[in-house]
Protein backbone atom coordinates (compact mmCIF):
# COMPACT_ATOMS: atom_id res chain seq x y z
CA MET A 1 -10.74 0.57 -14.89
CA PRO A 2 -10.46 1.59 -11.20
CA THR A 3 -8.88 5.18 -10.35
CA ILE A 4 -6.30 4.89 -7.27
CA ILE A 5 -5.63 7.98 -5.53
CA PHE A 6 -2.84 8.04 -3.22
CA LEU A 7 -3.10 10.71 -0.87
CA PRO A 8 -0.38 13.33 -0.42
CA GLN A 9 2.55 11.90 1.64
CA LYS A 10 5.40 14.76 2.24
CA ASP A 11 8.32 12.32 1.53
CA LEU A 12 6.85 9.84 -1.14
CA CYS A 13 4.13 11.50 -2.97
CA PRO A 14 3.88 15.31 -1.72
CA ARG A 15 1.19 16.26 -4.17
CA GLY A 16 -0.85 13.29 -3.97
CA MET A 17 -1.47 11.36 -7.53
CA VAL A 18 -4.51 9.95 -9.24
CA VAL A 19 -3.77 6.98 -11.52
CA ASN A 20 -5.59 4.36 -13.38
CA ALA A 21 -5.11 0.86 -12.55
CA ASN A 22 -6.00 -2.68 -14.10
CA GLN A 23 -7.96 -4.93 -11.99
CA GLY A 24 -5.73 -7.48 -10.28
CA GLU A 25 -2.81 -5.19 -10.22
CA ILE A 26 -0.62 -5.04 -6.99
CA ILE A 27 -0.90 -1.74 -5.29
CA LEU A 28 2.80 -1.64 -4.78
CA ASN A 29 3.67 -1.99 -8.59
CA ILE A 30 1.19 0.49 -9.37
CA ALA A 31 2.84 2.97 -6.82
CA LEU A 32 6.42 2.05 -8.00
CA HIS A 33 5.46 2.42 -11.63
CA ASN A 34 4.39 5.83 -11.03
CA ASN A 35 7.55 6.97 -9.16
CA ILE A 36 5.76 6.57 -5.63
CA LYS A 37 8.82 4.91 -4.12
CA ILE A 38 7.08 2.80 -1.40
CA GLU A 39 9.84 0.97 0.81
CA HIS A 40 9.49 -2.76 0.12
CA ALA A 41 12.54 -4.16 2.27
CA CYS A 42 11.49 -7.80 1.66
CA GLU A 43 11.02 -7.44 -2.01
CA LYS A 44 7.40 -8.05 -1.97
CA SER A 45 7.83 -11.46 -0.20
CA CYS A 46 5.31 -10.41 2.80
CA ALA A 47 7.97 -10.39 5.39
CA CYS A 48 8.20 -7.07 6.56
CA THR A 49 5.60 -4.02 6.76
CA THR A 50 7.65 -1.42 5.09
CA CYS A 51 5.05 -1.55 2.16
CA HIS A 52 2.04 -0.99 4.84
CA CYS A 53 -0.77 1.38 3.40
CA ILE A 54 -4.04 2.28 4.69
CA ILE A 55 -7.01 1.85 2.31
CA ARG A 56 -9.11 4.93 3.06
CA LYS A 57 -11.95 4.43 0.35
CA GLY A 58 -12.68 0.86 -1.43
CA PHE A 59 -11.35 -1.49 1.34
CA SER A 60 -14.64 -3.54 1.45
CA SER A 61 -13.75 -4.27 -2.38
CA LEU A 62 -10.40 -6.04 -1.80
CA GLU A 63 -10.04 -9.79 -1.36
CA ALA A 64 -9.54 -10.67 2.24
CA SER A 65 -5.87 -10.76 3.64
CA GLY A 66 -4.47 -14.12 4.22
CA GLU A 67 -3.35 -15.43 7.50
CA ARG A 68 0.43 -14.43 6.82
CA GLU A 69 -0.33 -10.92 5.85
CA ASP A 70 -2.28 -10.53 9.21
CA GLU A 71 0.72 -11.84 11.16
CA ILE A 72 2.91 -9.59 9.35
CA LEU A 73 0.59 -6.55 9.67
CA ASP A 74 0.38 -6.97 13.40
CA LYS A 75 3.72 -5.43 13.48
CA ALA A 76 3.06 -2.28 11.40
CA TRP A 77 3.62 1.04 12.79
CA GLY A 78 0.20 2.86 12.74
CA LEU A 79 -1.77 -0.21 12.18
CA GLU A 80 -5.64 0.38 11.28
CA LEU A 81 -8.46 -1.69 10.61
CA GLU A 82 -8.25 -0.87 6.92
CA SER A 83 -4.51 -1.31 6.98
CA ARG A 84 -2.81 -3.58 4.33
CA LEU A 85 0.50 -4.68 2.54
CA SER A 86 0.78 -3.04 -0.50
CA CYS A 87 2.62 -5.83 -1.87
CA GLN A 88 0.09 -8.27 -1.33
CA THR A 89 -3.10 -6.14 -2.08
CA LYS A 90 -4.48 -6.78 -5.67
CA VAL A 91 -7.01 -4.11 -7.23
CA ALA A 92 -10.41 -4.97 -7.61
CA SER A 93 -13.17 -3.40 -9.62
CA GLU A 94 -13.62 -0.34 -7.24
CA ASP A 95 -11.49 2.94 -7.05
CA LEU A 96 -9.40 3.21 -3.92
CA VAL A 97 -8.18 6.03 -1.98
CA ILE A 98 -4.69 4.85 -0.34
CA GLU A 99 -2.73 6.40 2.52
CA ILE A 100 0.73 5.79 2.53
CA PRO A 101 1.83 6.27 6.59
CA GLN A 102 4.62 8.63 7.47
CA TYR A 103 6.71 6.15 9.27
CA THR A 104 7.40 2.51 8.87
CA ILE A 105 9.53 0.34 11.55
CA ASN A 106 12.26 0.35 8.99
CA TYR A 107 15.37 1.91 10.87
CA ALA A 108 17.29 2.69 7.61
CA ARG A 109 15.72 3.92 4.26
CA GLU A 110 17.51 3.27 1.15
CA TYR A 111 16.66 5.90 -1.52
């Protein structure tokens, strides 16, 4: 069972969090089930970048992103080579370390 480490993020997860996940689970769902309220303005339909995350460890274990995800990611604030949309990324067999960026391109956040 892979371990997922969410690095501290001052608004959504100030202390960081370590959780176990099942292979094949979506990163966004794991976060939401653990009260890490990552934005997902498009309701997980791969149409925005509000659930953008950066995979700091374990990136190479993930399935490659699809063309649609890559198109959307190009619009993300703070895009890096290890960026993914958490609504589209399934946990593989390796542990992951995930950074949730401080900002998104969403102008209004609903809490």
